[in-house]
Amino acid sequence: MKPDTQTRWRCRRGMLENDLLLKGFLDHGYDQLDQEGRDAFERLLGYPDNLLLDLVLERQSTVDAGIARVVPLIRAAVAAGAED
């Protein structure tokens, strides 16, 4: 399932790094998420920019199992997009 317009808009962040990571995920991984994964991704979008970036770059971890499952998928999708 492709992300809706609201999700795409919420991926526009104040930090360019987050914009690039989240856009890469929307383009190369979001459509593989199940509903639980999409819900976790929406929760992740509610995080402040610095925390979101630290989670994706593995500088911090989270106790939220859903987000912990989605974050590696973001990294993998971005890496796959870089190979294109």
PDB file of N, CA and C in Angstrom:
ATOM      1  N   MET A   1       0.846  -1.174   0.000  1.00  0.00           N
ATOM      2  CA  MET A   1       0.000   0.000   0.000  1.00  0.00           C
ATOM      3  C   MET A   1       0.896   1.244   0.000  1.00  0.00           C
ATOM      4  N   LYS A   2       0.602   2.155  -0.860  1.00  0.00           N
ATOM      5  CA  LYS A   2       1.349   3.406  -0.960  1.00  0.00           C
ATOM      6  C   LYS A   2       0.928   4.348   0.171  1.00  0.00           C
ATOM      7  N   PRO A   3       1.840   5.205   0.621  1.00  0.00           N
ATOM      8  CA  PRO A   3       1.486   6.158   1.686  1.00  0.00           C
ATOM      9  C   PRO A   3       0.488   7.197   1.187  1.00  0.00           C
ATOM     10  N   ASP A   4      -0.398   7.611   2.081  1.00  0.00           N
ATOM     11  CA  ASP A   4      -1.348   8.655   1.705  1.00  0.00           C
ATOM     12  C   ASP A   4      -0.657  10.023   1.754  1.00  0.00           C
ATOM     13  N   THR A   5      -1.352  11.028   1.296  1.00  0.00           N
ATOM     14  CA  THR A   5      -0.792  12.376   1.219  1.00  0.00           C
ATOM     15  C   THR A   5      -0.417  12.907   2.597  1.00  0.00           C
ATOM     16  N   GLN A   6      -1.225  12.604   3.599  1.00  0.00           N
ATOM     17  CA  GLN A   6      -0.944  13.087   4.948  1.00  0.00           C
ATOM     18  C   GLN A   6       0.354  12.476   5.474  1.00  0.00           C
ATOM     19  N   THR A   7       0.566  11.190   5.257  1.00  0.00           N
ATOM     20  CA  THR A   7       1.803  10.542   5.694  1.00  0.00           C
ATOM     21  C   THR A   7       2.995  11.132   4.958  1.00  0.00           C
ATOM     22  N   ARG A   8       2.853  11.315   3.658  1.00  0.00           N
ATOM     23  CA  ARG A   8       3.938  11.908   2.871  1.00  0.00           C
ATOM     24  C   ARG A   8       4.272  13.312   3.404  1.00  0.00           C
ATOM     25  N   TRP A   9       3.251  14.080   3.737  1.00  0.00           N
ATOM     26  CA  TRP A   9       3.468  15.429   4.260  1.00  0.00           C
ATOM     27  C   TRP A   9       4.174  15.380   5.615  1.00  0.00           C
ATOM     28  N   ARG A  10       3.795  14.436   6.481  1.00  0.00           N
ATOM     29  CA  ARG A  10       4.413  14.319   7.805  1.00  0.00           C
ATOM     30  C   ARG A  10       5.879  13.898   7.713  1.00  0.00           C
ATOM     31  N   CYS A  11       6.285  13.341   6.588  1.00  0.00           N
ATOM     32  CA  CYS A  11       7.688  12.953   6.391  1.00  0.00           C
ATOM     33  C   CYS A  11       8.566  14.144   6.042  1.00  0.00           C
ATOM     34  N   ARG A  12       7.967  15.273   5.738  1.00  0.00           N
ATOM     35  CA  ARG A  12       8.745  16.496   5.496  1.00  0.00           C
ATOM     36  C   ARG A  12       9.152  17.040   6.847  1.00  0.00           C
ATOM     37  N   ARG A  13      10.438  17.067   7.097  1.00  0.00           N
ATOM     38  CA  ARG A  13      10.933  17.408   8.421  1.00  0.00           C
ATOM     39  C   ARG A  13      11.776  18.676   8.387  1.00  0.00           C
ATOM     40  N   GLY A  14      12.160  19.130   9.569  1.00  0.00           N
ATOM     41  CA  GLY A  14      13.004  20.300   9.684  1.00  0.00           C
ATOM     42  C   GLY A  14      14.471  20.011   9.422  1.00  0.00           C
ATOM     43  N   MET A  15      14.825  18.736   9.409  1.00  0.00           N
ATOM     44  CA  MET A  15      16.218  18.339   9.157  1.00  0.00           C
ATOM     45  C   MET A  15      16.297  17.651   7.796  1.00  0.00           C
ATOM     46  N   LEU A  16      17.196  18.109   6.959  1.00  0.00           N
ATOM     47  CA  LEU A  16      17.359  17.528   5.630  1.00  0.00           C
ATOM     48  C   LEU A  16      17.656  16.037   5.708  1.00  0.00           C
ATOM     49  N   GLU A  17      18.465  15.625   6.676  1.00  0.00           N
ATOM     50  CA  GLU A  17      18.801  14.217   6.817  1.00  0.00           C
ATOM     51  C   GLU A  17      17.551  13.361   6.983  1.00  0.00           C
ATOM     52  N   ASN A  18      16.627  13.829   7.826  1.00  0.00           N
ATOM     53  CA  ASN A  18      15.384  13.092   8.025  1.00  0.00           C
ATOM     54  C   ASN A  18      14.532  13.098   6.762  1.00  0.00           C
ATOM     55  N   ASP A  19      14.481  14.227   6.074  1.00  0.00           N
ATOM     56  CA  ASP A  19      13.738  14.289   4.812  1.00  0.00           C
ATOM     57  C   ASP A  19      14.235  13.201   3.857  1.00  0.00           C
ATOM     58  N   LEU A  20      15.542  13.106   3.721  1.00  0.00           N
ATOM     59  CA  LEU A  20      16.123  12.136   2.781  1.00  0.00           C
ATOM     60  C   LEU A  20      15.871  10.702   3.220  1.00  0.00           C
ATOM     61  N   LEU A  21      16.037  10.421   4.505  1.00  0.00           N
ATOM     62  CA  LEU A  21      15.804   9.068   5.013  1.00  0.00           C
ATOM     63  C   LEU A  21      14.345   8.652   4.835  1.00  0.00           C
ATOM     64  N   LEU A  22      13.442   9.531   5.226  1.00  0.00           N
ATOM     65  CA  LEU A  22      12.023   9.183   5.170  1.00  0.00           C
ATOM     66  C   LEU A  22      11.519   9.112   3.736  1.00  0.00           C
ATOM     67  N   LYS A  23      11.987   9.998   2.867  1.00  0.00           N
ATOM     68  CA  LYS A  23      11.586   9.925   1.464  1.00  0.00           C
ATOM     69  C   LYS A  23      12.105   8.631   0.842  1.00  0.00           C
ATOM     70  N   GLY A  24      13.331   8.259   1.160  1.00  0.00           N
ATOM     71  CA  GLY A  24      13.879   6.998   0.663  1.00  0.00           C
ATOM     72  C   GLY A  24      13.039   5.808   1.108  1.00  0.00           C
ATOM     73  N   PHE A  25      12.585   5.850   2.364  1.00  0.00           N
ATOM     74  CA  PHE A  25      11.743   4.767   2.858  1.00  0.00           C
ATOM     75  C   PHE A  25      10.384   4.760   2.173  1.00  0.00           C
ATOM     76  N   LEU A  26       9.781   5.932   2.002  1.00  0.00           N
ATOM     77  CA  LEU A  26       8.489   5.982   1.310  1.00  0.00           C
ATOM     78  C   LEU A  26       8.602   5.422  -0.102  1.00  0.00           C
ATOM     79  N   ASP A  27       9.717   5.696  -0.758  1.00  0.00           N
ATOM     80  CA  ASP A  27       9.911   5.254  -2.143  1.00  0.00           C
ATOM     81  C   ASP A  27      10.309   3.783  -2.263  1.00  0.00           C
ATOM     82  N   HIS A  28      10.957   3.241  -1.243  1.00  0.00           N
ATOM     83  CA  HIS A  28      11.540   1.902  -1.384  1.00  0.00           C
ATOM     84  C   HIS A  28      11.193   0.908  -0.281  1.00  0.00           C
ATOM     85  N   GLY A  29      10.261   1.221   0.591  1.00  0.00           N
ATOM     86  CA  GLY A  29       9.972   0.254   1.638  1.00  0.00           C
ATOM     87  C   GLY A  29       8.610   0.341   2.285  1.00  0.00           C
ATOM     88  N   TYR A  30       8.008   1.514   2.269  1.00  0.00           N
ATOM     89  CA  TYR A  30       6.750   1.712   2.974  1.00  0.00           C
ATOM     90  C   TYR A  30       5.670   0.750   2.498  1.00  0.00           C
ATOM     91  N   ASP A  31       5.613   0.508   1.206  1.00  0.00           N
ATOM     92  CA  ASP A  31       4.533  -0.319   0.657  1.00  0.00           C
ATOM     93  C   ASP A  31       4.607  -1.775   1.114  1.00  0.00           C
ATOM     94  N   GLN A  32       5.691  -2.178   1.762  1.00  0.00           N
ATOM     95  CA  GLN A  32       5.824  -3.548   2.257  1.00  0.00           C
ATOM     96  C   GLN A  32       5.363  -3.688   3.706  1.00  0.00           C
ATOM     97  N   LEU A  33       5.015  -2.579   4.351  1.00  0.00           N
ATOM     98  CA  LEU A  33       4.562  -2.630   5.738  1.00  0.00           C
ATOM     99  C   LEU A  33       3.147  -3.176   5.846  1.00  0.00           C
ATOM    100  N   ASP A  34       2.922  -3.958   6.898  1.00  0.00           N
ATOM    101  CA  ASP A  34       1.554  -4.344   7.226  1.00  0.00           C
ATOM    102  C   ASP A  34       0.935  -3.223   8.060  1.00  0.00           C
ATOM    103  N   GLN A  35      -0.297  -3.384   8.478  1.00  0.00           N
ATOM    104  CA  GLN A  35      -0.977  -2.316   9.222  1.00  0.00           C
ATOM    105  C   GLN A  35      -0.239  -1.985  10.513  1.00  0.00           C
ATOM    106  N   GLU A  36       0.243  -2.981  11.207  1.00  0.00           N
ATOM    107  CA  GLU A  36       0.987  -2.735  12.445  1.00  0.00           C
ATOM    108  C   GLU A  36       2.249  -1.917  12.164  1.00  0.00           C
ATOM    109  N   GLY A  37       2.922  -2.233  11.082  1.00  0.00           N
ATOM    110  CA  GLY A  37       4.112  -1.476  10.690  1.00  0.00           C
ATOM    111  C   GLY A  37       3.781  -0.048  10.317  1.00  0.00           C
ATOM    112  N   ARG A  38       2.676   0.155   9.608  1.00  0.00           N
ATOM    113  CA  ARG A  38       2.266   1.519   9.248  1.00  0.00           C
ATOM    114  C   ARG A  38       1.903   2.325  10.495  1.00  0.00           C
ATOM    115  N   ASP A  39       1.250   1.672  11.462  1.00  0.00           N
ATOM    116  CA  ASP A  39       0.917   2.345  12.721  1.00  0.00           C
ATOM    117  C   ASP A  39       2.192   2.752  13.468  1.00  0.00           C
ATOM    118  N   ALA A  40       3.170   1.855  13.497  1.00  0.00           N
ATOM    119  CA  ALA A  40       4.442   2.165  14.162  1.00  0.00           C
ATOM    120  C   ALA A  40       5.158   3.303  13.447  1.00  0.00           C
ATOM    121  N   PHE A  41       5.131   3.300  12.123  1.00  0.00           N
ATOM    122  CA  PHE A  41       5.760   4.368  11.356  1.00  0.00           C
ATOM    123  C   PHE A  41       5.100   5.705  11.668  1.00  0.00           C
ATOM    124  N   GLU A  42       3.788   5.725  11.788  1.00  0.00           N
ATOM    125  CA  GLU A  42       3.077   6.954  12.150  1.00  0.00           C
ATOM    126  C   GLU A  42       3.495   7.431  13.538  1.00  0.00           C
ATOM    127  N   ARG A  43       3.689   6.505  14.487  1.00  0.00           N
ATOM    128  CA  ARG A  43       4.160   6.892  15.815  1.00  0.00           C
ATOM    129  C   ARG A  43       5.561   7.485  15.715  1.00  0.00           C
ATOM    130  N   LEU A  44       6.402   6.867  14.902  1.00  0.00           N
ATOM    131  CA  LEU A  44       7.766   7.365  14.710  1.00  0.00           C
ATOM    132  C   LEU A  44       7.757   8.787  14.175  1.00  0.00           C
ATOM    133  N   LEU A  45       6.831   9.090  13.287  1.00  0.00           N
ATOM    134  CA  LEU A  45       6.746  10.443  12.729  1.00  0.00           C
ATOM    135  C   LEU A  45       6.366  11.478  13.786  1.00  0.00           C
ATOM    136  N   GLY A  46       5.827  11.033  14.897  1.00  0.00           N
ATOM    137  CA  GLY A  46       5.505  11.937  15.996  1.00  0.00           C
ATOM    138  C   GLY A  46       6.708  12.288  16.855  1.00  0.00           C
ATOM    139  N   TYR A  47       7.825  11.613  16.644  1.00  0.00           N
ATOM    140  CA  TYR A  47       9.033  11.874  17.428  1.00  0.00           C
ATOM    141  C   TYR A  47       9.697  13.163  16.965  1.00  0.00           C
ATOM    142  N   PRO A  48      10.407  13.846  17.866  1.00  0.00           N
ATOM    143  CA  PRO A  48      11.181  15.020  17.459  1.00  0.00           C
ATOM    144  C   PRO A  48      12.274  14.620  16.464  1.00  0.00           C
ATOM    145  N   ASP A  49      12.681  15.554  15.634  1.00  0.00           N
ATOM    146  CA  ASP A  49      13.660  15.273  14.585  1.00  0.00           C
ATOM    147  C   ASP A  49      14.943  14.640  15.105  1.00  0.00           C
ATOM    148  N   ASN A  50      15.505  15.180  16.181  1.00  0.00           N
ATOM    149  CA  ASN A  50      16.777  14.655  16.682  1.00  0.00           C
ATOM    150  C   ASN A  50      16.647  13.212  17.146  1.00  0.00           C
ATOM    151  N   LEU A  51      15.575  12.885  17.831  1.00  0.00           N
ATOM    152  CA  LEU A  51      15.368  11.514  18.298  1.00  0.00           C
ATOM    153  C   LEU A  51      15.124  10.579  17.116  1.00  0.00           C
ATOM    154  N   LEU A  52      14.334  11.015  16.164  1.00  0.00           N
ATOM    155  CA  LEU A  52      14.072  10.200  14.974  1.00  0.00           C
ATOM    156  C   LEU A  52      15.388   9.868  14.266  1.00  0.00           C
ATOM    157  N   LEU A  53      16.230  10.855  14.057  1.00  0.00           N
ATOM    158  CA  LEU A  53      17.509  10.631  13.394  1.00  0.00           C
ATOM    159  C   LEU A  53      18.399   9.709  14.220  1.00  0.00           C
ATOM    160  N   ASP A  54      18.453   9.911  15.527  1.00  0.00           N
ATOM    161  CA  ASP A  54      19.273   9.053  16.385  1.00  0.00           C
ATOM    162  C   ASP A  54      18.803   7.598  16.333  1.00  0.00           C
ATOM    163  N   LEU A  55      17.515   7.377  16.266  1.00  0.00           N
ATOM    164  CA  LEU A  55      16.998   6.004  16.165  1.00  0.00           C
ATOM    165  C   LEU A  55      17.404   5.364  14.840  1.00  0.00           C
ATOM    166  N   VAL A  56      17.224   6.087  13.756  1.00  0.00           N
ATOM    167  CA  VAL A  56      17.541   5.524  12.438  1.00  0.00           C
ATOM    168  C   VAL A  56      19.039   5.280  12.290  1.00  0.00           C
ATOM    169  N   LEU A  57      19.856   6.148  12.886  1.00  0.00           N
ATOM    170  CA  LEU A  57      21.316   5.988  12.787  1.00  0.00           C
ATOM    171  C   LEU A  57      21.887   5.090  13.890  1.00  0.00           C
ATOM    172  N   GLU A  58      21.013   4.468  14.669  1.00  0.00           N
ATOM    173  CA  GLU A  58      21.386   3.528  15.732  1.00  0.00           C
ATOM    174  C   GLU A  58      22.201   4.174  16.851  1.00  0.00           C
ATOM    175  N   ARG A  59      21.977   5.442  17.086  1.00  0.00           N
ATOM    176  CA  ARG A  59      22.625   6.114  18.212  1.00  0.00           C
ATOM    177  C   ARG A  59      21.797   5.980  19.482  1.00  0.00           C
ATOM    178  N   GLN A  60      20.517   5.611  19.311  1.00  0.00           N
ATOM    179  CA  GLN A  60      19.609   5.372  20.428  1.00  0.00           C
ATOM    180  C   GLN A  60      18.730   4.182  20.071  1.00  0.00           C
ATOM    181  N   SER A  61      18.121   3.624  21.100  1.00  0.00           N
ATOM    182  CA  SER A  61      17.171   2.540  20.876  1.00  0.00           C
ATOM    183  C   SER A  61      15.828   2.947  21.483  1.00  0.00           C
ATOM    184  N   THR A  62      14.825   2.138  21.214  1.00  0.00           N
ATOM    185  CA  THR A  62      13.483   2.423  21.712  1.00  0.00           C
ATOM    186  C   THR A  62      12.899   1.171  22.355  1.00  0.00           C
ATOM    187  N   VAL A  63      12.011   1.373  23.309  1.00  0.00           N
ATOM    188  CA  VAL A  63      11.312   0.257  23.933  1.00  0.00           C
ATOM    189  C   VAL A  63      10.039  -0.089  23.163  1.00  0.00           C
ATOM    190  N   ASP A  64       9.655   0.741  22.201  1.00  0.00           N
ATOM    191  CA  ASP A  64       8.479   0.493  21.371  1.00  0.00           C
ATOM    192  C   ASP A  64       8.845  -0.582  20.341  1.00  0.00           C
ATOM    193  N   ALA A  65       8.307  -1.772  20.519  1.00  0.00           N
ATOM    194  CA  ALA A  65       8.661  -2.903  19.654  1.00  0.00           C
ATOM    195  C   ALA A  65       8.306  -2.646  18.195  1.00  0.00           C
ATOM    196  N   GLY A  66       7.212  -1.965  17.940  1.00  0.00           N
ATOM    197  CA  GLY A  66       6.816  -1.673  16.565  1.00  0.00           C
ATOM    198  C   GLY A  66       7.813  -0.754  15.881  1.00  0.00           C
ATOM    199  N   ILE A  67       8.218   0.289  16.583  1.00  0.00           N
ATOM    200  CA  ILE A  67       9.202   1.204  16.015  1.00  0.00           C
ATOM    201  C   ILE A  67      10.549   0.510  15.873  1.00  0.00           C
ATOM    202  N   ALA A  68      10.907  -0.320  16.848  1.00  0.00           N
ATOM    203  CA  ALA A  68      12.165  -1.073  16.757  1.00  0.00           C
ATOM    204  C   ALA A  68      12.162  -1.992  15.537  1.00  0.00           C
ATOM    205  N   ARG A  69      11.001  -2.445  15.118  1.00  0.00           N
ATOM    206  CA  ARG A  69      10.897  -3.296  13.929  1.00  0.00           C
ATOM    207  C   ARG A  69      10.970  -2.470  12.642  1.00  0.00           C
ATOM    208  N   VAL A  70      10.451  -1.246  12.664  1.00  0.00           N
ATOM    209  CA  VAL A  70      10.397  -0.408  11.459  1.00  0.00           C
ATOM    210  C   VAL A  70      11.731   0.276  11.164  1.00  0.00           C
ATOM    211  N   VAL A  71      12.449   0.679  12.199  1.00  0.00           N
ATOM    212  CA  VAL A  71      13.688   1.443  11.999  1.00  0.00           C
ATOM    213  C   VAL A  71      14.699   0.706  11.115  1.00  0.00           C
ATOM    214  N   PRO A  72      14.964  -0.589  11.324  1.00  0.00           N
ATOM    215  CA  PRO A  72      15.892  -1.276  10.415  1.00  0.00           C
ATOM    216  C   PRO A  72      15.366  -1.350   8.976  1.00  0.00           C
ATOM    217  N   LEU A  73      14.055  -1.380   8.828  1.00  0.00           N
ATOM    218  CA  LEU A  73      13.471  -1.388   7.487  1.00  0.00           C
ATOM    219  C   LEU A  73      13.727  -0.060   6.782  1.00  0.00           C
ATOM    220  N   ILE A  74      13.721   1.024   7.549  1.00  0.00           N
ATOM    221  CA  ILE A  74      14.031   2.339   6.974  1.00  0.00           C
ATOM    222  C   ILE A  74      15.468   2.340   6.481  1.00  0.00           C
ATOM    223  N   ARG A  75      16.392   1.871   7.322  1.00  0.00           N
ATOM    224  CA  ARG A  75      17.806   1.819   6.919  1.00  0.00           C
ATOM    225  C   ARG A  75      17.990   0.958   5.676  1.00  0.00           C
ATOM    226  N   ALA A  76      17.354  -0.199   5.650  1.00  0.00           N
ATOM    227  CA  ALA A  76      17.496  -1.110   4.498  1.00  0.00           C
ATOM    228  C   ALA A  76      16.915  -0.501   3.222  1.00  0.00           C
ATOM    229  N   ALA A  77      15.775   0.158   3.343  1.00  0.00           N
ATOM    230  CA  ALA A  77      15.149   0.760   2.164  1.00  0.00           C
ATOM    231  C   ALA A  77      16.002   1.885   1.613  1.00  0.00           C
ATOM    232  N   VAL A  78      16.582   2.677   2.500  1.00  0.00           N
ATOM    233  CA  VAL A  78      17.433   3.774   2.064  1.00  0.00           C
ATOM    234  C   VAL A  78      18.689   3.221   1.367  1.00  0.00           C
ATOM    235  N   ALA A  79      19.247   2.155   1.942  1.00  0.00           N
ATOM    236  CA  ALA A  79      20.418   1.525   1.325  1.00  0.00           C
ATOM    237  C   ALA A  79      20.065   0.953  -0.051  1.00  0.00           C
ATOM    238  N   ALA A  80      18.897   0.333  -0.166  1.00  0.00           N
ATOM    239  CA  ALA A  80      18.455  -0.223  -1.446  1.00  0.00           C
ATOM    240  C   ALA A  80      18.244   0.888  -2.465  1.00  0.00           C
ATOM    241  N   GLY A  81      17.698   2.002  -2.021  1.00  0.00           N
ATOM    242  CA  GLY A  81      17.488   3.136  -2.923  1.00  0.00           C
ATOM    243  C   GLY A  81      18.793   3.730  -3.395  1.00  0.00           C
ATOM    244  N   ALA A  82      19.801   3.700  -2.552  1.00  0.00           N
ATOM    245  CA  ALA A  82      21.122   4.229  -2.923  1.00  0.00           C
ATOM    246  C   ALA A  82      21.779   3.363  -4.001  1.00  0.00           C
ATOM    247  N   GLU A  83      21.412   2.087  -4.045  1.00  0.00           N
ATOM    248  CA  GLU A  83      21.967   1.176  -5.032  1.00  0.00           C
ATOM    249  C   GLU A  83      21.355   1.350  -6.404  1.00  0.00           C
ATOM    250  N   ASP A  84      20.168   1.972  -6.457  1.00  0.00           N
ATOM    251  CA  ASP A  84      19.470   2.170  -7.729  1.00  0.00           C
ATOM    252  C   ASP A  84      20.204   3.127  -8.640  1.00  0.00           C
TER     253      ASP A  84
END
